[in-house]
C-alpha atoms as a PDB file:
ATOM      1  CA  UNK A   1     -22.641 -36.772  -4.605  1.00  0.00           C
ATOM      2  CA  UNK A   2     -24.082 -34.644  -1.797  1.00  0.00           C
ATOM      3  CA  UNK A   3     -24.836 -34.409   1.919  1.00  0.00           C
ATOM      4  CA  UNK A   4     -28.247 -35.546   3.145  1.00  0.00           C
ATOM      5  CA  UNK A   5     -29.876 -34.987   6.522  1.00  0.00           C
ATOM      6  CA  UNK A   6     -32.357 -37.551   7.792  1.00  0.00           C
ATOM      7  CA  UNK A   7     -34.314 -37.477  11.048  1.00  0.00           C
ATOM      8  CA  UNK A   8     -34.763 -40.753  12.901  1.00  0.00           C
ATOM      9  CA  UNK A   9     -36.699 -40.505  16.115  1.00  0.00           C
ATOM     10  CA  UNK A  10     -35.468 -37.627  18.268  1.00  0.00           C
ATOM     11  CA  UNK A  11     -32.142 -37.198  16.421  1.00  0.00           C
ATOM     12  CA  UNK A  12     -31.004 -36.038  13.001  1.00  0.00           C
ATOM     13  CA  UNK A  13     -28.269 -37.894  11.141  1.00  0.00           C
ATOM     14  CA  UNK A  14     -26.004 -36.758   8.311  1.00  0.00           C
ATOM     15  CA  UNK A  15     -25.201 -39.018   5.368  1.00  0.00           C
ATOM     16  CA  UNK A  16     -22.894 -38.777   2.378  1.00  0.00           C
ATOM     17  CA  UNK A  17     -24.982 -40.119  -0.502  1.00  0.00           C
ATOM     18  CA  UNK A  18     -24.833 -40.400  -4.257  1.00  0.00           C
ATOM     19  CA  UNK A  19     -27.462 -40.722  -6.945  1.00  0.00           C
ATOM     20  CA  UNK A  20     -27.346 -43.885  -9.045  1.00  0.00           C
ATOM     21  CA  UNK A  21     -29.550 -45.402 -11.720  1.00  0.00           C
ATOM     22  CA  UNK A  22     -30.573 -49.058 -11.384  1.00  0.00           C
ATOM     23  CA  UNK A  23     -33.008 -50.877 -13.641  1.00  0.00           C
ATOM     24  CA  UNK A  24     -34.085 -47.593 -15.227  1.00  0.00           C
ATOM     25  CA  UNK A  25     -34.855 -45.984 -11.878  1.00  0.00           C
ATOM     26  CA  UNK A  26     -33.015 -43.274  -9.963  1.00  0.00           C
ATOM     27  CA  UNK A  27     -32.021 -44.147  -6.397  1.00  0.00           C
ATOM     28  CA  UNK A  28     -29.954 -42.642  -3.615  1.00  0.00           C
ATOM     29  CA  UNK A  29     -27.210 -44.846  -2.227  1.00  0.00           C
ATOM     30  CA  UNK A  30     -25.606 -44.118   1.126  1.00  0.00           C
ATOM     31  CA  UNK A  31     -21.827 -44.034   0.916  1.00  0.00           C
ATOM     32  CA  UNK A  32     -21.148 -43.252   4.559  1.00  0.00           C
ATOM     33  CA  UNK A  33     -23.054 -42.387   7.711  1.00  0.00           C
ATOM     34  CA  UNK A  34     -21.289 -39.330   9.142  1.00  0.00           C
ATOM     35  CA  UNK A  35     -23.137 -39.544  12.472  1.00  0.00           C
ATOM     36  CA  UNK A  36     -25.512 -37.407  14.455  1.00  0.00           C
ATOM     37  CA  UNK A  37     -25.807 -33.862  13.226  1.00  0.00           C
ATOM     38  CA  UNK A  38     -24.944 -32.298  16.606  1.00  0.00           C
ATOM     39  CA  UNK A  39     -21.720 -34.309  16.890  1.00  0.00           C
ATOM     40  CA  UNK A  40     -20.696 -33.623  13.267  1.00  0.00           C
ATOM     41  CA  UNK A  41     -21.139 -29.879  13.788  1.00  0.00           C
ATOM     42  CA  UNK A  42     -19.271 -29.959  17.109  1.00  0.00           C
ATOM     43  CA  UNK A  43     -16.226 -31.823  15.758  1.00  0.00           C
ATOM     44  CA  UNK A  44     -16.080 -29.827  12.492  1.00  0.00           C
ATOM     45  CA  UNK A  45     -15.835 -32.976  10.359  1.00  0.00           C
ATOM     46  CA  UNK A  46     -18.291 -31.625   7.802  1.00  0.00           C
ATOM     47  CA  UNK A  47     -16.357 -28.346   7.443  1.00  0.00           C
ATOM     48  CA  UNK A  48     -13.090 -30.200   6.901  1.00  0.00           C
ATOM     49  CA  UNK A  49     -14.761 -32.401   4.288  1.00  0.00           C
ATOM     50  CA  UNK A  50     -16.123 -29.332   2.480  1.00  0.00           C
ATOM     51  CA  UNK A  51     -12.739 -27.594   2.491  1.00  0.00           C
ATOM     52  CA  UNK A  52     -11.038 -30.700   1.228  1.00  0.00           C
ATOM     53  CA  UNK A  53     -13.489 -31.022  -1.661  1.00  0.00           C
ATOM     54  CA  UNK A  54     -13.294 -27.284  -2.407  1.00  0.00           C
ATOM     55  CA  UNK A  55      -9.605 -27.590  -3.269  1.00  0.00           C
ATOM     56  CA  UNK A  56     -10.657 -29.405  -6.431  1.00  0.00           C
ATOM     57  CA  UNK A  57     -13.394 -26.906  -7.354  1.00  0.00           C
ATOM     58  CA  UNK A  58     -12.429 -23.384  -8.507  1.00  0.00           C
ATOM     59  CA  UNK A  59     -15.983 -22.107  -8.046  1.00  0.00           C
ATOM     60  CA  UNK A  60     -16.144 -23.356  -4.473  1.00  0.00           C
ATOM     61  CA  UNK A  61     -12.741 -21.828  -3.729  1.00  0.00           C
ATOM     62  CA  UNK A  62     -13.959 -18.412  -4.835  1.00  0.00           C
ATOM     63  CA  UNK A  63     -17.170 -18.712  -2.827  1.00  0.00           C
ATOM     64  CA  UNK A  64     -15.223 -19.837   0.235  1.00  0.00           C
ATOM     65  CA  UNK A  65     -12.906 -16.834  -0.015  1.00  0.00           C
ATOM     66  CA  UNK A  66     -15.878 -14.484  -0.328  1.00  0.00           C
ATOM     67  CA  UNK A  67     -17.573 -15.991   2.724  1.00  0.00           C
ATOM     68  CA  UNK A  68     -14.351 -15.780   4.715  1.00  0.00           C
ATOM     69  CA  UNK A  69     -13.729 -12.165   3.740  1.00  0.00           C
ATOM     70  CA  UNK A  70     -10.236 -12.963   2.445  1.00  0.00           C
ATOM     71  CA  UNK A  71     -10.712 -12.267  -1.251  1.00  0.00           C
ATOM     72  CA  UNK A  72      -7.736 -10.630  -2.976  1.00  0.00           C
ATOM     73  CA  UNK A  73      -8.116  -7.158  -4.452  1.00  0.00           C
ATOM     74  CA  UNK A  74      -9.643  -7.531  -7.913  1.00  0.00           C
ATOM     75  CA  UNK A  75     -10.213  -4.638 -10.313  1.00  0.00           C
ATOM     76  CA  UNK A  76     -11.874  -4.550 -13.731  1.00  0.00           C
ATOM     77  CA  UNK A  77     -10.150  -2.182 -16.181  1.00  0.00           C
ATOM     78  CA  UNK A  78     -10.990  -1.462 -19.813  1.00  0.00           C
ATOM     79  CA  UNK A  79      -8.314  -2.002 -22.464  1.00  0.00           C
ATOM     80  CA  UNK A  80     -10.052  -1.467 -25.831  1.00  0.00           C
ATOM     81  CA  UNK A  81      -9.773   2.299 -26.285  1.00  0.00           C
ATOM     82  CA  UNK A  82      -6.178   2.585 -24.979  1.00  0.00           C
ATOM     83  CA  UNK A  83      -4.990  -0.189 -27.307  1.00  0.00           C
ATOM     84  CA  UNK A  84      -6.718   1.340 -30.337  1.00  0.00           C
ATOM     85  CA  UNK A  85      -5.574   4.926 -29.792  1.00  0.00           C
ATOM     86  CA  UNK A  86      -2.095   3.844 -28.733  1.00  0.00           C
ATOM     87  CA  UNK A  87      -1.665   2.340 -32.193  1.00  0.00           C
ATOM     88  CA  UNK A  88      -3.041   5.467 -33.892  1.00  0.00           C
ATOM     89  CA  UNK A  89      -0.742   7.561 -31.697  1.00  0.00           C
ATOM     90  CA  UNK A  90       2.243   5.552 -32.927  1.00  0.00           C
ATOM     91  CA  UNK A  91       1.287   5.352 -36.616  1.00  0.00           C
ATOM     92  CA  UNK A  92       0.420   9.052 -36.905  1.00  0.00           C
ATOM     93  CA  UNK A  93       3.874   9.971 -35.575  1.00  0.00           C
ATOM     94  CA  UNK A  94       2.583  11.871 -32.540  1.00  0.00           C
ATOM     95  CA  UNK A  95       4.713   9.921 -30.117  1.00  0.00           C
ATOM     96  CA  UNK A  96       7.898  10.209 -32.178  1.00  0.00           C
ATOM     97  CA  UNK A  97       7.439  13.953 -32.681  1.00  0.00           C
ATOM     98  CA  UNK A  98       6.789  14.564 -28.989  1.00  0.00           C
ATOM     99  CA  UNK A  99       9.793  12.526 -27.910  1.00  0.00           C
ATOM    100  CA  UNK A 100      11.968  14.349 -30.440  1.00  0.00           C
ATOM    101  CA  UNK A 101      10.975  17.786 -29.154  1.00  0.00           C
ATOM    102  CA  UNK A 102      11.404  16.624 -25.550  1.00  0.00           C
ATOM    103  CA  UNK A 103      14.879  15.216 -26.159  1.00  0.00           C
ATOM    104  CA  UNK A 104      16.606  18.306 -24.761  1.00  0.00           C
ATOM    105  CA  UNK A 105      14.312  18.767 -21.765  1.00  0.00           C
ATOM    106  CA  UNK A 106      14.855  17.181 -18.359  1.00  0.00           C
ATOM    107  CA  UNK A 107      11.385  16.519 -17.008  1.00  0.00           C
ATOM    108  CA  UNK A 108      11.089  14.188 -14.041  1.00  0.00           C
ATOM    109  CA  UNK A 109       8.050  12.473 -15.551  1.00  0.00           C
ATOM    110  CA  UNK A 110       6.951  11.241 -18.961  1.00  0.00           C
ATOM    111  CA  UNK A 111       5.449  14.289 -20.673  1.00  0.00           C
ATOM    112  CA  UNK A 112       4.576  12.190 -23.722  1.00  0.00           C
ATOM    113  CA  UNK A 113       2.477   9.826 -21.554  1.00  0.00           C
ATOM    114  CA  UNK A 114       0.802  12.766 -19.847  1.00  0.00           C
ATOM    115  CA  UNK A 115      -0.146  14.325 -23.188  1.00  0.00           C
ATOM    116  CA  UNK A 116      -1.387  10.975 -24.519  1.00  0.00           C
ATOM    117  CA  UNK A 117      -3.527  10.466 -21.417  1.00  0.00           C
ATOM    118  CA  UNK A 118      -5.163  13.885 -21.687  1.00  0.00           C
ATOM    119  CA  UNK A 119      -5.773  13.469 -25.440  1.00  0.00           C
ATOM    120  CA  UNK A 120      -7.337  10.035 -24.914  1.00  0.00           C
ATOM    121  CA  UNK A 121      -9.520  11.404 -22.123  1.00  0.00           C
ATOM    122  CA  UNK A 122     -10.783  14.240 -24.314  1.00  0.00           C
ATOM    123  CA  UNK A 123     -11.511  11.834 -27.157  1.00  0.00           C
ATOM    124  CA  UNK A 124     -13.495   9.495 -24.905  1.00  0.00           C
ATOM    125  CA  UNK A 125     -15.457  11.720 -22.529  1.00  0.00           C
ATOM    126  CA  UNK A 126     -13.805  15.169 -22.445  1.00  0.00           C
ATOM    127  CA  UNK A 127     -13.408  17.128 -19.234  1.00  0.00           C
ATOM    128  CA  UNK A 128     -10.761  18.753 -17.081  1.00  0.00           C
ATOM    129  CA  UNK A 129      -7.371  17.373 -16.084  1.00  0.00           C
ATOM    130  CA  UNK A 130      -8.759  16.742 -12.612  1.00  0.00           C
ATOM    131  CA  UNK A 131     -11.531  14.614 -14.114  1.00  0.00           C
ATOM    132  CA  UNK A 132      -8.917  12.828 -16.236  1.00  0.00           C
ATOM    133  CA  UNK A 133      -7.001  11.790 -13.130  1.00  0.00           C
ATOM    134  CA  UNK A 134     -10.027   9.871 -11.821  1.00  0.00           C
ATOM    135  CA  UNK A 135     -11.186   8.644 -15.248  1.00  0.00           C
ATOM    136  CA  UNK A 136      -7.923   6.798 -15.946  1.00  0.00           C
ATOM    137  CA  UNK A 137      -8.502   4.475 -12.964  1.00  0.00           C
ATOM    138  CA  UNK A 138     -11.032   2.517 -15.059  1.00  0.00           C
ATOM    139  CA  UNK A 139      -8.590   1.992 -17.961  1.00  0.00           C
ATOM    140  CA  UNK A 140      -5.348   0.095 -18.397  1.00  0.00           C
ATOM    141  CA  UNK A 141      -2.965   2.561 -20.053  1.00  0.00           C
ATOM    142  CA  UNK A 142       0.734   1.821 -20.283  1.00  0.00           C
ATOM    143  CA  UNK A 143       3.096   4.223 -18.550  1.00  0.00           C
ATOM    144  CA  UNK A 144       0.578   6.418 -16.709  1.00  0.00           C
ATOM    145  CA  UNK A 145       0.439   4.738 -13.290  1.00  0.00           C
ATOM    146  CA  UNK A 146       3.013   7.102 -11.774  1.00  0.00           C
ATOM    147  CA  UNK A 147       1.477  10.284 -13.209  1.00  0.00           C
ATOM    148  CA  UNK A 148      -0.220  12.674 -10.807  1.00  0.00           C
ATOM    149  CA  UNK A 149      -2.515  15.626 -11.339  1.00  0.00           C
ATOM    150  CA  UNK A 150       0.251  18.220 -11.218  1.00  0.00           C
ATOM    151  CA  UNK A 151       2.076  16.314 -13.980  1.00  0.00           C
ATOM    152  CA  UNK A 152      -0.939  16.799 -16.260  1.00  0.00           C
ATOM    153  CA  UNK A 153      -0.999  20.502 -15.432  1.00  0.00           C
ATOM    154  CA  UNK A 154       2.740  20.778 -16.144  1.00  0.00           C
ATOM    155  CA  UNK A 155       2.396  18.993 -19.503  1.00  0.00           C
ATOM    156  CA  UNK A 156      -0.395  21.343 -20.610  1.00  0.00           C
ATOM    157  CA  UNK A 157       1.663  24.331 -19.472  1.00  0.00           C
ATOM    158  CA  UNK A 158       4.618  23.100 -21.529  1.00  0.00           C
ATOM    159  CA  UNK A 159       2.459  22.862 -24.668  1.00  0.00           C
ATOM    160  CA  UNK A 160       1.493  26.508 -24.210  1.00  0.00           C
ATOM    161  CA  UNK A 161       4.984  27.850 -23.503  1.00  0.00           C
ATOM    162  CA  UNK A 162       5.840  30.776 -25.793  1.00  0.00           C
ATOM    163  CA  UNK A 163       8.972  30.399 -27.893  1.00  0.00           C
ATOM    164  CA  UNK A 164      11.834  32.926 -27.737  1.00  0.00           C
ATOM    165  CA  UNK A 165      11.455  36.095 -29.763  1.00  0.00           C
ATOM    166  CA  UNK A 166      14.023  34.808 -32.270  1.00  0.00           C
ATOM    167  CA  UNK A 167      11.655  31.944 -33.165  1.00  0.00           C
ATOM    168  CA  UNK A 168       8.495  33.986 -33.538  1.00  0.00           C
ATOM    169  CA  UNK A 169       9.076  34.606 -37.253  1.00  0.00           C
ATOM    170  CA  UNK A 170       7.087  37.839 -37.452  1.00  0.00           C
ATOM    171  CA  UNK A 171       3.922  36.411 -35.940  1.00  0.00           C
ATOM    172  CA  UNK A 172       1.319  39.080 -35.184  1.00  0.00           C
ATOM    173  CA  UNK A 173      -1.965  37.286 -34.442  1.00  0.00           C
ATOM    174  CA  UNK A 174      -0.710  34.965 -31.715  1.00  0.00           C
ATOM    175  CA  UNK A 175       2.776  34.124 -30.443  1.00  0.00           C
ATOM    176  CA  UNK A 176       4.296  30.798 -31.465  1.00  0.00           C
ATOM    177  CA  UNK A 177       4.455  28.240 -28.688  1.00  0.00           C
ATOM    178  CA  UNK A 178       5.489  24.620 -28.200  1.00  0.00           C
ATOM    179  CA  UNK A 179       2.301  23.230 -29.695  1.00  0.00           C
ATOM    180  CA  UNK A 180       3.043  25.097 -32.958  1.00  0.00           C
ATOM    181  CA  UNK A 181       6.418  23.388 -33.194  1.00  0.00           C
ATOM    182  CA  UNK A 182       4.743  20.011 -32.682  1.00  0.00           C
ATOM    183  CA  UNK A 183       2.164  20.749 -35.381  1.00  0.00           C
ATOM    184  CA  UNK A 184       4.844  21.836 -37.855  1.00  0.00           C
ATOM    185  CA  UNK A 185       7.021  18.779 -37.234  1.00  0.00           C
ATOM    186  CA  UNK A 186       4.019  16.469 -37.431  1.00  0.00           C
ATOM    187  CA  UNK A 187       3.018  17.994 -40.777  1.00  0.00           C
ATOM    188  CA  UNK A 188       6.564  17.665 -42.114  1.00  0.00           C
ATOM    189  CA  UNK A 189       6.645  14.036 -41.028  1.00  0.00           C
ATOM    190  CA  UNK A 190       3.379  13.161 -42.775  1.00  0.00           C
ATOM    191  CA  UNK A 191       3.618  15.325 -45.892  1.00  0.00           C
ATOM    192  CA  UNK A 192       4.323  13.845 -49.305  1.00  0.00           C
ATOM    193  CA  UNK A 193       4.490  15.051 -52.908  1.00  0.00           C
ATOM    194  CA  UNK A 194       0.718  15.503 -52.988  1.00  0.00           C
ATOM    195  CA  UNK A 195       0.360  17.498 -49.754  1.00  0.00           C
ATOM    196  CA  UNK A 196      -0.650  21.074 -50.484  1.00  0.00           C
ATOM    197  CA  UNK A 197      -2.515  23.998 -48.979  1.00  0.00           C
ATOM    198  CA  UNK A 198      -5.006  24.373 -51.834  1.00  0.00           C
ATOM    199  CA  UNK A 199      -7.863  22.824 -49.814  1.00  0.00           C
ATOM    200  CA  UNK A 200      -8.132  23.812 -46.164  1.00  0.00           C
ATOM    201  CA  UNK A 201     -11.132  23.006 -43.973  1.00  0.00           C
ATOM    202  CA  UNK A 202     -11.488  25.156 -40.852  1.00  0.00           C
ATOM    203  CA  UNK A 203     -13.866  24.117 -38.090  1.00  0.00           C
ATOM    204  CA  UNK A 204     -14.430  26.088 -34.883  1.00  0.00           C
ATOM    205  CA  UNK A 205     -16.137  25.547 -31.573  1.00  0.00           C
ATOM    206  CA  UNK A 206     -16.618  27.714 -28.504  1.00  0.00           C
ATOM    207  CA  UNK A 207     -16.174  26.793 -24.865  1.00  0.00           C
ATOM    208  CA  UNK A 208     -17.205  28.677 -21.757  1.00  0.00           C
ATOM    209  CA  UNK A 209     -16.462  28.434 -18.070  1.00  0.00           C
ATOM    210  CA  UNK A 210     -17.665  29.957 -14.832  1.00  0.00           C
ATOM    211  CA  UNK A 211     -15.478  31.554 -12.188  1.00  0.00           C
ATOM    212  CA  UNK A 212     -12.622  34.004 -12.047  1.00  0.00           C
ATOM    213  CA  UNK A 213      -9.386  34.251 -14.015  1.00  0.00           C
ATOM    214  CA  UNK A 214      -8.362  33.901 -17.644  1.00  0.00           C
ATOM    215  CA  UNK A 215      -8.773  37.614 -18.453  1.00  0.00           C
ATOM    216  CA  UNK A 216      -5.865  37.500 -20.900  1.00  0.00           C
ATOM    217  CA  UNK A 217      -7.205  34.639 -23.031  1.00  0.00           C
ATOM    218  CA  UNK A 218     -11.012  34.739 -22.721  1.00  0.00           C
ATOM    219  CA  UNK A 219     -13.696  37.281 -23.509  1.00  0.00           C
ATOM    220  CA  UNK A 220     -17.296  37.811 -22.482  1.00  0.00           C
ATOM    221  CA  UNK A 221     -19.522  37.245 -25.492  1.00  0.00           C
ATOM    222  CA  UNK A 222     -22.888  35.829 -26.500  1.00  0.00           C
ATOM    223  CA  UNK A 223     -23.397  32.309 -27.745  1.00  0.00           C
ATOM    224  CA  UNK A 224     -24.193  32.796 -31.459  1.00  0.00           C
ATOM    225  CA  UNK A 225     -26.466  35.855 -31.564  1.00  0.00           C
ATOM    226  CA  UNK A 226     -29.213  35.217 -29.018  1.00  0.00           C
ATOM    227  CA  UNK A 227     -27.558  33.212 -26.265  1.00  0.00           C
ATOM    228  CA  UNK A 228     -26.616  34.540 -22.833  1.00  0.00           C
ATOM    229  CA  UNK A 229     -23.423  36.496 -22.282  1.00  0.00           C
ATOM    230  CA  UNK A 230     -20.690  34.355 -20.698  1.00  0.00           C
ATOM    231  CA  UNK A 231     -16.931  33.998 -20.541  1.00  0.00           C
ATOM    232  CA  UNK A 232     -15.982  32.289 -23.814  1.00  0.00           C
ATOM    233  CA  UNK A 233     -12.971  30.834 -25.564  1.00  0.00           C
ATOM    234  CA  UNK A 234     -12.837  29.841 -29.253  1.00  0.00           C
ATOM    235  CA  UNK A 235     -10.892  26.878 -30.614  1.00  0.00           C
ATOM    236  CA  UNK A 236     -10.403  25.952 -34.278  1.00  0.00           C
ATOM    237  CA  UNK A 237      -8.692  23.171 -36.237  1.00  0.00           C
ATOM    238  CA  UNK A 238      -7.389  23.212 -39.824  1.00  0.00           C
ATOM    239  CA  UNK A 239      -7.453  20.134 -42.050  1.00  0.00           C
ATOM    240  CA  UNK A 240      -5.554  19.746 -45.317  1.00  0.00           C
ATOM    241  CA  UNK A 241      -6.472  17.369 -48.113  1.00  0.00           C
ATOM    242  CA  UNK A 242      -4.560  14.044 -47.870  1.00  0.00           C
ATOM    243  CA  UNK A 243      -2.468  15.180 -44.873  1.00  0.00           C
ATOM    244  CA  UNK A 244      -5.205  15.496 -42.238  1.00  0.00           C
ATOM    245  CA  UNK A 245      -5.040  18.013 -39.370  1.00  0.00           C
ATOM    246  CA  UNK A 246      -2.260  20.565 -39.615  1.00  0.00           C
ATOM    247  CA  UNK A 247      -2.918  23.324 -37.090  1.00  0.00           C
ATOM    248  CA  UNK A 248      -5.039  24.495 -34.209  1.00  0.00           C
ATOM    249  CA  UNK A 249      -5.820  28.083 -33.242  1.00  0.00           C
ATOM    250  CA  UNK A 250      -7.367  29.591 -30.138  1.00  0.00           C
ATOM    251  CA  UNK A 251      -8.932  32.996 -29.640  1.00  0.00           C
ATOM    252  CA  UNK A 252     -10.938  35.099 -27.231  1.00  0.00           C
ATOM    253  CA  UNK A 253     -14.717  35.052 -27.430  1.00  0.00           C
ATOM    254  CA  UNK A 254     -16.605  33.449 -30.333  1.00  0.00           C
ATOM    255  CA  UNK A 255     -15.639  32.898 -34.016  1.00  0.00           C
ATOM    256  CA  UNK A 256     -17.332  36.257 -34.816  1.00  0.00           C
ATOM    257  CA  UNK A 257     -15.407  38.193 -32.166  1.00  0.00           C
ATOM    258  CA  UNK A 258     -12.081  36.344 -32.353  1.00  0.00           C
ATOM    259  CA  UNK A 259      -8.989  37.426 -34.337  1.00  0.00           C
ATOM    260  CA  UNK A 260      -9.176  37.386 -38.162  1.00  0.00           C
ATOM    261  CA  UNK A 261      -7.597  33.916 -38.356  1.00  0.00           C
ATOM    262  CA  UNK A 262     -11.029  32.512 -37.451  1.00  0.00           C
ATOM    263  CA  UNK A 263     -12.951  34.413 -40.132  1.00  0.00           C
END
């Protein structure tokens, strides 16, 4: 069923017609003569008929809203990666360990969600906390809608907070901080009778940045042996057989110029 325009003499007429099949042939049968085109347009009868029919057609409703400029706000957000890593976050015990350490702290935001967001961002694309704030808009992640950029900064600062002198335990290479406590508790949670330190795999990588600041934790060094001199920071991770990652260490410069724990 459709609308057909037919010109007769000096005027054009509008018909509501349908296509039928009679004796093996296709024909158009007029259901109703809607009148002269000028009068139909002036009275708005055709528009009312279209709106009435559109109520029964979802596609036409969407097109009508688009034409009228009254479409509701629609956003497309990815859910795959957050769902996958949320489950790994739970099963590995990261969430439970974080919430346990945070039990005595009175933060006004969810530090655990802030840490999860930054970890997920670094796993997916990597980048700064400022980039993470914009990146999350394309993903549906539970519990992060109320987080702001300064919350991410505060969560990272908390991970790097140095512990009191009574909890340093004779450390000489680098002071113990909150992230060390998390690593130790995570290892204790996942260890079993077969967890041991007989096989340790240490992998390192170097990062560099441009600008001022960071004099206490970075060092100007060359990339490998022939690269340009730049401000560099070394990061390393330790993996134990059966138990997975157990520790992370950071140092100034490159693996060759960093403290002995990297060599």
